[in-house]
Amino acid sequence: VQLQASGGGSVQAGGSLRLSCAASGRSISTYNMGWFRQPPGREREFVAAISRTGGVTPYADSVKDRFTISRDNAKNTGYLQMNSLKPEDTALYYCAASRWSGPGTVSDDYNYWGQGTQVTVSS
């Protein structure tokens, strides 16, 4: 499966963005999906994940109650709605997928990755 992330941009603190992760090549319905981010000068970190049917959605503590992960298997697309954005949310955001058990919360739990989409939040 190939993944294409989009929807990044520059916003002011308190604003919102919705990231999309469009899958192609195979149906995404049999894959767990995740979002990770890499802030400038730091390691990649977990943001959120969603199980195949959407019933399980773990979040990083730093984004809980602000970000919402979802998916539309009919459209073969996953989403990350980001509200109340903070400057510390500035990062390159990646979507990922895996058919392994999950949904995982570490990078090694995923074997398919999209290219990153940049999110910049100014104060």
C-alpha atoms as a PDB file:
ATOM      1  CA  VAL A   1       0.000   0.000   0.000  1.00  0.00           C
ATOM      2  CA  GLN A   2       1.170   3.544  -0.766  1.00  0.00           C
ATOM      3  CA  LEU A   3       0.339   6.441   1.537  1.00  0.00           C
ATOM      4  CA  GLN A   4       0.109  10.133   0.666  1.00  0.00           C
ATOM      5  CA  ALA A   5      -0.172  12.643   3.492  1.00  0.00           C
ATOM      6  CA  SER A   6      -1.503  16.129   2.864  1.00  0.00           C
ATOM      7  CA  GLY A   7      -3.151  19.068   4.595  1.00  0.00           C
ATOM      8  CA  GLY A   8      -0.212  20.600   6.395  1.00  0.00           C
ATOM      9  CA  GLY A   9       0.363  24.331   6.491  1.00  0.00           C
ATOM     10  CA  SER A  10       1.094  27.345   8.637  1.00  0.00           C
ATOM     11  CA  VAL A  11      -1.384  28.500  11.260  1.00  0.00           C
ATOM     12  CA  GLN A  12      -1.406  30.686  14.319  1.00  0.00           C
ATOM     13  CA  ALA A  13      -1.659  29.222  17.804  1.00  0.00           C
ATOM     14  CA  GLY A  14      -5.218  28.232  18.589  1.00  0.00           C
ATOM     15  CA  GLY A  15      -5.973  27.411  14.972  1.00  0.00           C
ATOM     16  CA  SER A  16      -6.935  24.130  13.343  1.00  0.00           C
ATOM     17  CA  LEU A  17      -5.768  21.912  10.523  1.00  0.00           C
ATOM     18  CA  ARG A  18      -6.968  18.593   9.153  1.00  0.00           C
ATOM     19  CA  LEU A  19      -4.403  16.204   7.783  1.00  0.00           C
ATOM     20  CA  SER A  20      -5.370  13.494   5.316  1.00  0.00           C
ATOM     21  CA  CYS A  21      -3.634  10.233   4.512  1.00  0.00           C
ATOM     22  CA  ALA A  22      -4.791   8.814   1.190  1.00  0.00           C
ATOM     23  CA  ALA A  23      -3.982   5.158   0.561  1.00  0.00           C
ATOM     24  CA  SER A  24      -3.599   3.531  -2.829  1.00  0.00           C
ATOM     25  CA  GLY A  25      -2.703   0.126  -4.126  1.00  0.00           C
ATOM     26  CA  ARG A  26      -4.741  -1.829  -1.601  1.00  0.00           C
ATOM     27  CA  SER A  27      -7.780  -1.340   0.580  1.00  0.00           C
ATOM     28  CA  ILE A  28      -6.812   0.373   3.815  1.00  0.00           C
ATOM     29  CA  SER A  29      -9.602  -1.414   5.688  1.00  0.00           C
ATOM     30  CA  THR A  30      -7.284  -4.253   6.736  1.00  0.00           C
ATOM     31  CA  TYR A  31      -4.583  -1.919   8.080  1.00  0.00           C
ATOM     32  CA  ASN A  32      -4.154  -0.178  11.384  1.00  0.00           C
ATOM     33  CA  MET A  33      -3.175   3.438  10.781  1.00  0.00           C
ATOM     34  CA  GLY A  34      -1.072   5.854  12.758  1.00  0.00           C
ATOM     35  CA  TRP A  35       0.197   9.422  12.765  1.00  0.00           C
ATOM     36  CA  PHE A  36       3.669  10.362  13.927  1.00  0.00           C
ATOM     37  CA  ARG A  37       5.529  13.654  13.930  1.00  0.00           C
ATOM     38  CA  GLN A  38       9.112  14.818  13.982  1.00  0.00           C
ATOM     39  CA  PRO A  39       9.697  18.242  15.520  1.00  0.00           C
ATOM     40  CA  PRO A  40      12.790  20.174  14.399  1.00  0.00           C
ATOM     41  CA  GLY A  41      15.941  18.640  15.863  1.00  0.00           C
ATOM     42  CA  ARG A  42      14.077  15.858  17.662  1.00  0.00           C
ATOM     43  CA  GLU A  43      13.216  12.222  17.197  1.00  0.00           C
ATOM     44  CA  ARG A  44      10.011  11.072  15.549  1.00  0.00           C
ATOM     45  CA  GLU A  45       7.220  10.633  18.077  1.00  0.00           C
ATOM     46  CA  PHE A  46       3.835   8.998  18.228  1.00  0.00           C
ATOM     47  CA  VAL A  47       0.740  11.187  17.865  1.00  0.00           C
ATOM     48  CA  ALA A  48      -2.311   8.961  17.396  1.00  0.00           C
ATOM     49  CA  ALA A  49      -3.414   5.653  15.948  1.00  0.00           C
ATOM     50  CA  ILE A  50      -6.629   3.971  14.876  1.00  0.00           C
ATOM     51  CA  SER A  51      -7.590   0.344  14.540  1.00  0.00           C
ATOM     52  CA  ARG A  52      -8.987  -1.193  11.354  1.00  0.00           C
ATOM     53  CA  THR A  53     -12.605  -0.453  12.195  1.00  0.00           C
ATOM     54  CA  GLY A  54     -11.934   2.699  14.216  1.00  0.00           C
ATOM     55  CA  GLY A  55     -12.865   1.226  17.554  1.00  0.00           C
ATOM     56  CA  VAL A  56      -9.494   1.743  19.241  1.00  0.00           C
ATOM     57  CA  THR A  57      -7.779   5.136  19.116  1.00  0.00           C
ATOM     58  CA  PRO A  58      -4.776   5.683  21.379  1.00  0.00           C
ATOM     59  CA  TYR A  59      -3.345   9.215  21.621  1.00  0.00           C
ATOM     60  CA  ALA A  60      -0.160  10.755  22.920  1.00  0.00           C
ATOM     61  CA  ASP A  61      -0.831  12.660  26.136  1.00  0.00           C
ATOM     62  CA  SER A  62       0.399  15.861  24.505  1.00  0.00           C
ATOM     63  CA  VAL A  63      -2.422  15.854  21.935  1.00  0.00           C
ATOM     64  CA  LYS A  64      -5.249  14.181  23.831  1.00  0.00           C
ATOM     65  CA  ASP A  65      -8.460  16.247  23.808  1.00  0.00           C
ATOM     66  CA  ARG A  66      -7.089  18.453  20.997  1.00  0.00           C
ATOM     67  CA  PHE A  67      -6.505  16.023  18.146  1.00  0.00           C
ATOM     68  CA  THR A  68      -8.935  13.478  16.712  1.00  0.00           C
ATOM     69  CA  ILE A  69      -7.962  10.593  14.493  1.00  0.00           C
ATOM     70  CA  SER A  70     -10.515   9.043  12.165  1.00  0.00           C
ATOM     71  CA  ARG A  71     -10.746   7.023   8.998  1.00  0.00           C
ATOM     72  CA  ASP A  72     -13.089   6.469   6.087  1.00  0.00           C
ATOM     73  CA  ASN A  73     -12.393   3.028   4.702  1.00  0.00           C
ATOM     74  CA  ALA A  74     -14.792   3.608   1.809  1.00  0.00           C
ATOM     75  CA  LYS A  75     -12.610   6.533   0.708  1.00  0.00           C
ATOM     76  CA  ASN A  76      -9.394   4.680   1.596  1.00  0.00           C
ATOM     77  CA  THR A  77      -8.327   7.671   3.662  1.00  0.00           C
ATOM     78  CA  GLY A  78      -7.335   8.435   7.217  1.00  0.00           C
ATOM     79  CA  TYR A  79      -7.547  11.809   8.925  1.00  0.00           C
ATOM     80  CA  LEU A  80      -6.062  13.756  11.802  1.00  0.00           C
ATOM     81  CA  GLN A  81      -8.125  16.729  12.953  1.00  0.00           C
ATOM     82  CA  MET A  82      -5.917  19.077  14.934  1.00  0.00           C
ATOM     83  CA  ASN A  83      -7.548  21.784  17.033  1.00  0.00           C
ATOM     84  CA  SER A  84      -6.174  24.303  19.534  1.00  0.00           C
ATOM     85  CA  LEU A  85      -2.786  24.057  17.902  1.00  0.00           C
ATOM     86  CA  LYS A  86       0.274  25.130  19.863  1.00  0.00           C
ATOM     87  CA  PRO A  87       3.738  26.180  18.691  1.00  0.00           C
ATOM     88  CA  GLU A  88       5.078  22.922  20.128  1.00  0.00           C
ATOM     89  CA  ASP A  89       2.929  21.035  17.604  1.00  0.00           C
ATOM     90  CA  THR A  90       5.234  22.326  14.865  1.00  0.00           C
ATOM     91  CA  ALA A  91       6.660  19.256  13.133  1.00  0.00           C
ATOM     92  CA  LEU A  92       6.769  17.143  10.024  1.00  0.00           C
ATOM     93  CA  TYR A  93       3.757  14.833  10.289  1.00  0.00           C
ATOM     94  CA  TYR A  94       3.794  11.307   8.864  1.00  0.00           C
ATOM     95  CA  CYS A  95       1.047   8.774   8.384  1.00  0.00           C
ATOM     96  CA  ALA A  96       1.752   5.080   8.644  1.00  0.00           C
ATOM     97  CA  ALA A  97      -0.036   1.758   8.207  1.00  0.00           C
ATOM     98  CA  SER A  98       0.412  -1.824   9.249  1.00  0.00           C
ATOM     99  CA  ARG A  99      -1.432  -5.128   9.014  1.00  0.00           C
ATOM    100  CA  TRP A 100       0.208  -6.338  12.218  1.00  0.00           C
ATOM    101  CA  SER A 101      -1.713  -6.449  15.478  1.00  0.00           C
ATOM    102  CA  GLY A 102      -2.336  -3.052  16.981  1.00  0.00           C
ATOM    103  CA  PRO A 103      -2.912  -0.205  16.603  1.00  0.00           C
ATOM    104  CA  GLY A 104       0.675   0.364  17.673  1.00  0.00           C
ATOM    105  CA  THR A 105       2.136   3.439  19.292  1.00  0.00           C
ATOM    106  CA  VAL A 106       5.774   3.141  18.231  1.00  0.00           C
ATOM    107  CA  SER A 107       7.381   3.506  14.822  1.00  0.00           C
ATOM    108  CA  ASP A 108       8.423  -0.147  14.687  1.00  0.00           C
ATOM    109  CA  ASP A 109       4.749  -1.162  14.753  1.00  0.00           C
ATOM    110  CA  TYR A 110       4.347   0.169  11.197  1.00  0.00           C
ATOM    111  CA  ASN A 111       5.879  -0.944   7.945  1.00  0.00           C
ATOM    112  CA  TYR A 112       4.265   1.443   5.459  1.00  0.00           C
ATOM    113  CA  TRP A 113       4.949   5.161   5.620  1.00  0.00           C
ATOM    114  CA  GLY A 114       3.844   8.187   3.666  1.00  0.00           C
ATOM    115  CA  GLN A 115       5.969  11.236   3.021  1.00  0.00           C
ATOM    116  CA  GLY A 116       5.690  13.954   5.626  1.00  0.00           C
ATOM    117  CA  THR A 117       3.507  17.027   5.566  1.00  0.00           C
ATOM    118  CA  GLN A 118       4.778  20.109   7.391  1.00  0.00           C
ATOM    119  CA  VAL A 119       2.752  21.753  10.134  1.00  0.00           C
ATOM    120  CA  THR A 120       3.982  25.083  11.444  1.00  0.00           C
ATOM    121  CA  VAL A 121       2.253  26.838  14.335  1.00  0.00           C
ATOM    122  CA  SER A 122       3.247  30.388  15.166  1.00  0.00           C
ATOM    123  CA  SER A 123       2.639  32.119  18.474  1.00  0.00           C
END
